[in-house]
Amino acid sequence: MQPTAPTAVSSPAPRRRPVVVTLAILLMLPAIVIWLIAGIAFFRAMLHTEGDGLGKILVVGIGAGALAIALLVALLASLGILMAWTGDSAAGLAVPAGFTFGLFVVVIVTLLAQGKLGYHPTMVTPLVVGGLAGMSLALIKSPPARAWFAGRRR
C-alpha cells in the first residue's frame, strides 16, 4: 500500500479591505493631528499665563492634564488605525472617533442652547474635524466594514 499525499485544506482567499474601512482610517488622520496640536498649544498657553505660586502650579497642572488627554486620544486613534488596517477590530478606531465626535456634538448643542452659535474663523477646524470623526465612526460601523471585520475573526 502506498501512502497518500496529504491534501491541502483550502481556506477561503482573504477578501480585500473594503473602501469604507480605508476611508474611515483616512478621515481620522486629521483628528490625530488636531488633537496633538491642540494639546500642545493649550499646554503652552497655560505655561505662559501670568501668576505665581500655587495659582501658577494649578494652571500648569490643568494644562498638563489637557495635554495628557490629547496625547492619549491621539495614541488611541493611532492604535485604532493600526487595528482597523490589519482587520483586528473596529472598536479600536470607533472609540477615539466616538470621543472626538461626542465632544463635537456636546459643544454644538451647548452653543445652540446658549444662542451663541456664530461664525468665527477659529471654529472651522473643530467643526471639520468633528464632522470627519463622525463620518469615520459611521463608516467603521457600516455593514461592509462589519462584515469584513467579522470575516477576519474566523
N, C-alpha and C. Protein backbone atom coordinates (compact mmCIF):
# COMPACT_ATOMS: atom_id res chain seq x y z
N MET A 1 0.82 -1.17 0.00
CA MET A 1 0.00 0.00 0.00
C MET A 1 0.87 1.24 0.00
N GLN A 2 0.53 2.13 -0.84
CA GLN A 2 1.28 3.38 -0.94
C GLN A 2 0.57 4.46 -0.12
N PRO A 3 1.36 5.22 0.68
CA PRO A 3 0.71 6.30 1.44
C PRO A 3 0.27 7.42 0.50
N THR A 4 -0.82 7.98 0.85
CA THR A 4 -1.34 9.08 0.02
C THR A 4 -0.79 10.41 0.53
N ALA A 5 -0.62 11.29 -0.39
CA ALA A 5 -0.10 12.61 -0.01
C ALA A 5 -1.20 13.39 0.72
N PRO A 6 -0.81 14.12 1.75
CA PRO A 6 -1.84 14.90 2.46
C PRO A 6 -2.42 15.98 1.54
N THR A 7 -3.70 16.12 1.68
CA THR A 7 -4.36 17.13 0.85
C THR A 7 -4.35 18.46 1.58
N ALA A 8 -4.17 19.47 0.82
CA ALA A 8 -4.14 20.82 1.41
C ALA A 8 -5.57 21.27 1.70
N VAL A 9 -5.75 21.77 2.88
CA VAL A 9 -7.06 22.30 3.24
C VAL A 9 -7.17 23.69 2.63
N SER A 10 -8.14 23.83 1.79
CA SER A 10 -8.26 25.13 1.13
C SER A 10 -9.03 26.08 2.04
N SER A 11 -8.41 27.20 2.30
CA SER A 11 -9.08 28.24 3.09
C SER A 11 -9.55 29.32 2.12
N PRO A 12 -10.63 29.95 2.48
CA PRO A 12 -11.10 30.98 1.56
C PRO A 12 -10.05 32.09 1.42
N ALA A 13 -9.94 32.59 0.22
CA ALA A 13 -8.97 33.65 -0.04
C ALA A 13 -9.36 34.89 0.77
N PRO A 14 -8.36 35.54 1.35
CA PRO A 14 -8.70 36.72 2.15
C PRO A 14 -9.31 37.80 1.26
N ARG A 15 -10.42 38.32 1.75
CA ARG A 15 -11.08 39.38 1.00
C ARG A 15 -10.31 40.68 1.17
N ARG A 16 -10.44 41.52 0.19
CA ARG A 16 -9.76 42.81 0.24
C ARG A 16 -10.43 43.71 1.28
N ARG A 17 -9.66 44.63 1.76
CA ARG A 17 -10.16 45.60 2.72
C ARG A 17 -11.20 46.48 2.03
N PRO A 18 -12.38 46.63 2.63
CA PRO A 18 -13.40 47.47 1.99
C PRO A 18 -12.96 48.94 1.94
N VAL A 19 -13.47 49.64 0.97
CA VAL A 19 -13.14 51.05 0.81
C VAL A 19 -13.59 51.85 2.03
N VAL A 20 -14.70 51.44 2.65
CA VAL A 20 -15.20 52.20 3.81
C VAL A 20 -14.22 52.16 4.98
N VAL A 21 -13.51 51.06 5.14
CA VAL A 21 -12.51 50.97 6.21
C VAL A 21 -11.33 51.89 5.90
N THR A 22 -10.88 51.88 4.66
CA THR A 22 -9.78 52.77 4.27
C THR A 22 -10.19 54.23 4.43
N LEU A 23 -11.41 54.57 4.05
CA LEU A 23 -11.88 55.95 4.21
C LEU A 23 -11.99 56.33 5.68
N ALA A 24 -12.47 55.41 6.51
CA ALA A 24 -12.58 55.70 7.94
C ALA A 24 -11.21 55.97 8.54
N ILE A 25 -10.22 55.22 8.10
CA ILE A 25 -8.85 55.43 8.59
C ILE A 25 -8.34 56.79 8.14
N LEU A 26 -8.52 57.10 6.87
CA LEU A 26 -8.03 58.38 6.34
C LEU A 26 -8.73 59.58 6.99
N LEU A 27 -10.00 59.43 7.32
CA LEU A 27 -10.74 60.53 7.93
C LEU A 27 -10.32 60.78 9.38
N MET A 28 -9.69 59.81 10.01
CA MET A 28 -9.24 60.01 11.40
C MET A 28 -7.85 60.64 11.47
N LEU A 29 -7.12 60.66 10.38
CA LEU A 29 -5.78 61.26 10.41
C LEU A 29 -5.79 62.74 10.79
N PRO A 30 -6.71 63.57 10.24
CA PRO A 30 -6.73 64.97 10.68
C PRO A 30 -7.06 65.11 12.17
N ALA A 31 -7.88 64.21 12.70
CA ALA A 31 -8.22 64.29 14.12
C ALA A 31 -6.98 64.06 14.99
N ILE A 32 -6.13 63.14 14.59
CA ILE A 32 -4.90 62.90 15.36
C ILE A 32 -4.02 64.14 15.35
N VAL A 33 -3.87 64.73 14.18
CA VAL A 33 -3.03 65.93 14.07
C VAL A 33 -3.60 67.07 14.91
N ILE A 34 -4.90 67.27 14.85
CA ILE A 34 -5.53 68.36 15.60
C ILE A 34 -5.46 68.10 17.10
N TRP A 35 -5.64 66.87 17.54
CA TRP A 35 -5.51 66.56 18.98
C TRP A 35 -4.10 66.89 19.46
N LEU A 36 -3.10 66.53 18.67
CA LEU A 36 -1.72 66.83 19.06
C LEU A 36 -1.46 68.34 19.11
N ILE A 37 -1.89 69.04 18.07
CA ILE A 37 -1.67 70.49 18.03
C ILE A 37 -2.43 71.19 19.16
N ALA A 38 -3.68 70.80 19.36
CA ALA A 38 -4.49 71.45 20.40
C ALA A 38 -3.93 71.19 21.79
N GLY A 39 -3.50 69.96 22.05
CA GLY A 39 -2.94 69.64 23.37
C GLY A 39 -1.68 70.42 23.66
N ILE A 40 -0.79 70.47 22.68
CA ILE A 40 0.47 71.20 22.87
C ILE A 40 0.21 72.69 22.98
N ALA A 41 -0.68 73.22 22.15
CA ALA A 41 -0.98 74.66 22.19
C ALA A 41 -1.63 75.05 23.52
N PHE A 42 -2.54 74.23 24.01
CA PHE A 42 -3.18 74.54 25.29
C PHE A 42 -2.17 74.51 26.43
N PHE A 43 -1.31 73.52 26.41
CA PHE A 43 -0.29 73.43 27.47
C PHE A 43 0.64 74.64 27.41
N ARG A 44 1.07 75.03 26.21
CA ARG A 44 1.94 76.20 26.08
C ARG A 44 1.23 77.47 26.54
N ALA A 45 -0.05 77.59 26.24
CA ALA A 45 -0.81 78.77 26.69
C ALA A 45 -0.89 78.80 28.21
N MET A 46 -1.05 77.65 28.82
CA MET A 46 -1.12 77.60 30.29
C MET A 46 0.25 77.91 30.91
N LEU A 47 1.31 77.53 30.23
CA LEU A 47 2.65 77.85 30.73
C LEU A 47 2.92 79.35 30.74
N HIS A 48 2.33 80.03 29.77
CA HIS A 48 2.60 81.46 29.62
C HIS A 48 1.60 82.35 30.35
N THR A 49 0.75 81.76 31.19
CA THR A 49 -0.19 82.59 31.94
C THR A 49 0.54 83.35 33.03
N GLU A 50 -0.05 84.44 33.41
CA GLU A 50 0.56 85.23 34.48
C GLU A 50 0.18 84.64 35.82
N GLY A 51 0.94 84.96 36.79
CA GLY A 51 0.65 84.48 38.13
C GLY A 51 1.89 83.85 38.73
N ASP A 52 1.75 83.53 40.00
CA ASP A 52 2.87 82.88 40.69
C ASP A 52 2.31 82.00 41.79
N GLY A 53 3.17 81.23 42.35
CA GLY A 53 2.81 80.39 43.48
C GLY A 53 1.87 79.26 43.10
N LEU A 54 0.92 79.01 44.00
CA LEU A 54 0.01 77.89 43.85
C LEU A 54 -0.89 78.04 42.61
N GLY A 55 -1.31 79.27 42.32
CA GLY A 55 -2.16 79.50 41.14
C GLY A 55 -1.48 79.09 39.86
N LYS A 56 -0.21 79.42 39.72
CA LYS A 56 0.55 79.05 38.52
C LYS A 56 0.68 77.53 38.43
N ILE A 57 0.93 76.89 39.56
CA ILE A 57 1.06 75.42 39.57
C ILE A 57 -0.25 74.76 39.16
N LEU A 58 -1.37 75.29 39.66
CA LEU A 58 -2.67 74.71 39.30
C LEU A 58 -2.98 74.91 37.81
N VAL A 59 -2.69 76.08 37.30
CA VAL A 59 -2.97 76.36 35.89
C VAL A 59 -2.09 75.48 35.00
N VAL A 60 -0.84 75.35 35.34
CA VAL A 60 0.06 74.49 34.55
C VAL A 60 -0.37 73.03 34.70
N GLY A 61 -0.85 72.66 35.88
CA GLY A 61 -1.36 71.29 36.08
C GLY A 61 -2.57 71.01 35.21
N ILE A 62 -3.46 71.99 35.10
CA ILE A 62 -4.63 71.83 34.22
C ILE A 62 -4.16 71.69 32.76
N GLY A 63 -3.18 72.50 32.37
CA GLY A 63 -2.63 72.40 31.02
C GLY A 63 -1.99 71.04 30.77
N ALA A 64 -1.28 70.52 31.77
CA ALA A 64 -0.65 69.20 31.63
C ALA A 64 -1.71 68.11 31.54
N GLY A 65 -2.79 68.25 32.29
CA GLY A 65 -3.88 67.28 32.21
C GLY A 65 -4.54 67.28 30.84
N ALA A 66 -4.78 68.47 30.30
CA ALA A 66 -5.37 68.56 28.96
C ALA A 66 -4.42 67.99 27.91
N LEU A 67 -3.12 68.25 28.07
CA LEU A 67 -2.14 67.68 27.15
C LEU A 67 -2.12 66.16 27.25
N ALA A 68 -2.22 65.63 28.46
CA ALA A 68 -2.23 64.18 28.65
C ALA A 68 -3.45 63.55 27.97
N ILE A 69 -4.61 64.19 28.09
CA ILE A 69 -5.81 63.66 27.44
C ILE A 69 -5.66 63.71 25.93
N ALA A 70 -5.13 64.82 25.41
CA ALA A 70 -4.95 64.94 23.96
C ALA A 70 -3.96 63.89 23.44
N LEU A 71 -2.88 63.68 24.18
CA LEU A 71 -1.90 62.66 23.76
C LEU A 71 -2.51 61.26 23.83
N LEU A 72 -3.33 61.01 24.85
CA LEU A 72 -3.98 59.71 24.98
C LEU A 72 -4.94 59.46 23.81
N VAL A 73 -5.74 60.45 23.46
CA VAL A 73 -6.67 60.28 22.34
C VAL A 73 -5.90 60.08 21.03
N ALA A 74 -4.82 60.83 20.85
CA ALA A 74 -4.00 60.65 19.63
C ALA A 74 -3.38 59.26 19.59
N LEU A 75 -2.90 58.77 20.74
CA LEU A 75 -2.34 57.42 20.79
C LEU A 75 -3.40 56.37 20.51
N LEU A 76 -4.57 56.52 21.13
CA LEU A 76 -5.65 55.55 20.90
C LEU A 76 -6.10 55.56 19.45
N ALA A 77 -6.17 56.75 18.85
CA ALA A 77 -6.56 56.83 17.44
C ALA A 77 -5.50 56.17 16.55
N SER A 78 -4.24 56.38 16.86
CA SER A 78 -3.16 55.76 16.07
C SER A 78 -3.21 54.24 16.18
N LEU A 79 -3.39 53.75 17.39
CA LEU A 79 -3.50 52.30 17.57
C LEU A 79 -4.77 51.75 16.93
N GLY A 80 -5.85 52.54 17.00
CA GLY A 80 -7.10 52.13 16.35
C GLY A 80 -6.97 52.05 14.85
N ILE A 81 -6.21 52.98 14.28
CA ILE A 81 -5.96 52.94 12.83
C ILE A 81 -5.20 51.68 12.48
N LEU A 82 -4.20 51.35 13.28
CA LEU A 82 -3.43 50.13 13.04
C LEU A 82 -4.31 48.89 13.16
N MET A 83 -5.15 48.86 14.19
CA MET A 83 -6.05 47.72 14.38
C MET A 83 -7.05 47.59 13.23
N ALA A 84 -7.59 48.72 12.78
CA ALA A 84 -8.55 48.68 11.68
C ALA A 84 -7.88 48.29 10.37
N TRP A 85 -6.66 48.77 10.17
CA TRP A 85 -5.95 48.45 8.92
C TRP A 85 -5.65 46.96 8.82
N THR A 86 -5.25 46.36 9.93
CA THR A 86 -4.93 44.93 9.90
C THR A 86 -6.18 44.06 10.02
N GLY A 87 -7.33 44.66 10.34
CA GLY A 87 -8.57 43.90 10.44
C GLY A 87 -8.79 43.27 11.79
N ASP A 88 -8.03 43.68 12.80
CA ASP A 88 -8.19 43.09 14.13
C ASP A 88 -9.52 43.46 14.76
N SER A 89 -9.84 44.74 14.76
CA SER A 89 -11.06 45.17 15.44
C SER A 89 -11.46 46.56 14.96
N ALA A 90 -12.75 46.78 14.89
CA ALA A 90 -13.27 48.11 14.55
C ALA A 90 -13.36 48.97 15.80
N ALA A 91 -13.41 48.35 16.96
CA ALA A 91 -13.57 49.09 18.21
C ALA A 91 -12.38 50.01 18.48
N GLY A 92 -11.21 49.61 18.07
CA GLY A 92 -10.03 50.43 18.29
C GLY A 92 -10.13 51.80 17.63
N LEU A 93 -10.78 51.87 16.50
CA LEU A 93 -10.96 53.14 15.80
C LEU A 93 -12.26 53.82 16.22
N ALA A 94 -13.25 53.02 16.59
CA ALA A 94 -14.55 53.58 16.95
C ALA A 94 -14.49 54.38 18.26
N VAL A 95 -13.64 53.97 19.19
CA VAL A 95 -13.57 54.66 20.48
C VAL A 95 -13.04 56.09 20.34
N PRO A 96 -11.86 56.32 19.75
CA PRO A 96 -11.42 57.71 19.61
C PRO A 96 -12.29 58.53 18.66
N ALA A 97 -12.83 57.89 17.62
CA ALA A 97 -13.72 58.61 16.71
C ALA A 97 -14.99 59.01 17.44
N GLY A 98 -15.51 58.12 18.26
CA GLY A 98 -16.71 58.42 19.04
C GLY A 98 -16.47 59.51 20.07
N PHE A 99 -15.30 59.48 20.70
CA PHE A 99 -14.96 60.51 21.68
C PHE A 99 -14.84 61.88 21.02
N THR A 100 -14.15 61.93 19.90
CA THR A 100 -13.98 63.19 19.18
C THR A 100 -15.32 63.71 18.68
N PHE A 101 -16.12 62.83 18.11
CA PHE A 101 -17.44 63.23 17.62
C PHE A 101 -18.36 63.63 18.77
N GLY A 102 -18.25 62.93 19.89
CA GLY A 102 -19.05 63.27 21.07
C GLY A 102 -18.75 64.66 21.59
N LEU A 103 -17.47 65.02 21.64
CA LEU A 103 -17.11 66.38 22.05
C LEU A 103 -17.66 67.41 21.07
N PHE A 104 -17.60 67.09 19.80
CA PHE A 104 -18.15 67.96 18.77
C PHE A 104 -19.65 68.20 19.00
N VAL A 105 -20.39 67.14 19.26
CA VAL A 105 -21.84 67.26 19.48
C VAL A 105 -22.14 68.04 20.75
N VAL A 106 -21.41 67.77 21.82
CA VAL A 106 -21.63 68.48 23.08
C VAL A 106 -21.39 69.98 22.91
N VAL A 107 -20.33 70.34 22.22
CA VAL A 107 -20.03 71.76 22.02
C VAL A 107 -21.10 72.42 21.15
N ILE A 108 -21.51 71.77 20.08
CA ILE A 108 -22.53 72.35 19.21
C ILE A 108 -23.85 72.51 19.96
N VAL A 109 -24.27 71.50 20.70
CA VAL A 109 -25.53 71.58 21.45
C VAL A 109 -25.45 72.67 22.52
N THR A 110 -24.33 72.77 23.20
CA THR A 110 -24.16 73.81 24.22
C THR A 110 -24.23 75.20 23.60
N LEU A 111 -23.54 75.39 22.49
CA LEU A 111 -23.58 76.69 21.82
C LEU A 111 -24.98 77.02 21.32
N LEU A 112 -25.68 76.04 20.79
CA LEU A 112 -27.04 76.28 20.32
C LEU A 112 -27.97 76.61 21.48
N ALA A 113 -27.82 75.90 22.60
CA ALA A 113 -28.67 76.14 23.77
C ALA A 113 -28.44 77.53 24.34
N GLN A 114 -27.23 78.02 24.28
CA GLN A 114 -26.90 79.35 24.80
C GLN A 114 -27.16 80.44 23.78
N GLY A 115 -27.47 80.05 22.54
CA GLY A 115 -27.71 81.03 21.49
C GLY A 115 -26.46 81.76 21.06
N LYS A 116 -25.32 81.13 21.22
CA LYS A 116 -24.04 81.78 20.92
C LYS A 116 -23.38 81.23 19.66
N LEU A 117 -24.12 80.49 18.88
CA LEU A 117 -23.51 79.91 17.69
C LEU A 117 -23.42 80.98 16.60
N GLY A 118 -22.24 81.29 16.23
CA GLY A 118 -21.98 82.27 15.19
C GLY A 118 -20.72 81.85 14.47
N TYR A 119 -20.41 82.54 13.41
CA TYR A 119 -19.22 82.17 12.66
C TYR A 119 -18.01 82.92 13.18
N HIS A 120 -17.00 82.15 13.52
CA HIS A 120 -15.68 82.67 13.85
C HIS A 120 -14.69 81.79 13.10
N PRO A 121 -13.67 82.37 12.50
CA PRO A 121 -12.72 81.55 11.74
C PRO A 121 -12.08 80.43 12.57
N THR A 122 -11.96 80.63 13.87
CA THR A 122 -11.34 79.58 14.70
C THR A 122 -12.26 78.39 14.91
N MET A 123 -13.54 78.53 14.57
CA MET A 123 -14.48 77.43 14.76
C MET A 123 -14.45 76.43 13.61
N VAL A 124 -13.84 76.80 12.50
CA VAL A 124 -13.89 75.94 11.32
C VAL A 124 -13.15 74.63 11.56
N THR A 125 -11.97 74.68 12.12
CA THR A 125 -11.17 73.46 12.30
C THR A 125 -11.87 72.45 13.21
N PRO A 126 -12.35 72.85 14.40
CA PRO A 126 -13.04 71.85 15.23
C PRO A 126 -14.31 71.31 14.58
N LEU A 127 -15.02 72.16 13.84
CA LEU A 127 -16.23 71.68 13.17
C LEU A 127 -15.89 70.65 12.10
N VAL A 128 -14.86 70.92 11.33
CA VAL A 128 -14.47 69.99 10.28
C VAL A 128 -13.95 68.69 10.87
N VAL A 129 -13.09 68.79 11.88
CA VAL A 129 -12.52 67.57 12.48
C VAL A 129 -13.61 66.75 13.18
N GLY A 130 -14.53 67.41 13.86
CA GLY A 130 -15.63 66.70 14.50
C GLY A 130 -16.51 66.01 13.47
N GLY A 131 -16.78 66.70 12.37
CA GLY A 131 -17.57 66.09 11.30
C GLY A 131 -16.86 64.91 10.66
N LEU A 132 -15.56 65.04 10.44
CA LEU A 132 -14.79 63.93 9.87
C LEU A 132 -14.77 62.73 10.81
N ALA A 133 -14.65 62.99 12.11
CA ALA A 133 -14.67 61.90 13.08
C ALA A 133 -16.03 61.21 13.08
N GLY A 134 -17.10 61.98 12.95
CA GLY A 134 -18.44 61.39 12.87
C GLY A 134 -18.61 60.53 11.62
N MET A 135 -18.09 61.03 10.50
CA MET A 135 -18.15 60.24 9.27
C MET A 135 -17.32 58.97 9.40
N SER A 136 -16.15 59.07 10.03
CA SER A 136 -15.30 57.90 10.25
C SER A 136 -16.02 56.87 11.11
N LEU A 137 -16.69 57.34 12.14
CA LEU A 137 -17.44 56.44 13.02
C LEU A 137 -18.56 55.74 12.25
N ALA A 138 -19.27 56.49 11.42
CA ALA A 138 -20.35 55.89 10.62
C ALA A 138 -19.79 54.87 9.64
N LEU A 139 -18.66 55.17 9.02
CA LEU A 139 -18.08 54.24 8.04
C LEU A 139 -17.57 52.97 8.69
N ILE A 140 -16.94 53.10 9.86
CA ILE A 140 -16.36 51.91 10.51
C ILE A 140 -17.45 50.99 11.06
N LYS A 141 -18.65 51.54 11.25
CA LYS A 141 -19.77 50.74 11.74
C LYS A 141 -20.74 50.35 10.62
N SER A 142 -20.39 50.63 9.39
CA SER A 142 -21.25 50.31 8.25
C SER A 142 -21.27 48.79 8.03
N PRO A 143 -22.31 48.31 7.35
CA PRO A 143 -22.40 46.86 7.09
C PRO A 143 -21.20 46.25 6.37
N PRO A 144 -20.63 46.89 5.32
CA PRO A 144 -19.46 46.27 4.68
C PRO A 144 -18.27 46.16 5.64
N ALA A 145 -18.06 47.17 6.46
CA ALA A 145 -16.95 47.11 7.41
C ALA A 145 -17.20 46.04 8.45
N ARG A 146 -18.42 45.97 8.96
CA ARG A 146 -18.73 44.94 9.97
C ARG A 146 -18.54 43.54 9.41
N ALA A 147 -18.99 43.35 8.17
CA ALA A 147 -18.84 42.03 7.55
C ALA A 147 -17.37 41.67 7.38
N TRP A 148 -16.56 42.65 6.99
CA TRP A 148 -15.13 42.39 6.79
C TRP A 148 -14.46 42.04 8.11
N PHE A 149 -14.75 42.80 9.16
CA PHE A 149 -14.15 42.51 10.48
C PHE A 149 -14.62 41.16 11.00
N ALA A 150 -15.88 40.83 10.78
CA ALA A 150 -16.40 39.53 11.23
C ALA A 150 -15.73 38.40 10.46
N GLY A 151 -15.50 38.59 9.17
CA GLY A 151 -14.82 37.58 8.36
C GLY A 151 -13.36 37.41 8.75
N ARG A 152 -12.73 38.45 9.26
CA ARG A 152 -11.32 38.39 9.66
C ARG A 152 -11.15 37.65 10.98
N ARG A 153 -12.19 37.58 11.80
CA ARG A 153 -12.08 36.93 13.11
C ARG A 153 -12.12 35.41 13.01
N ARG A 154 -12.62 34.89 11.93
CA ARG A 154 -12.73 33.43 11.81
C ARG A 154 -11.42 32.77 11.65
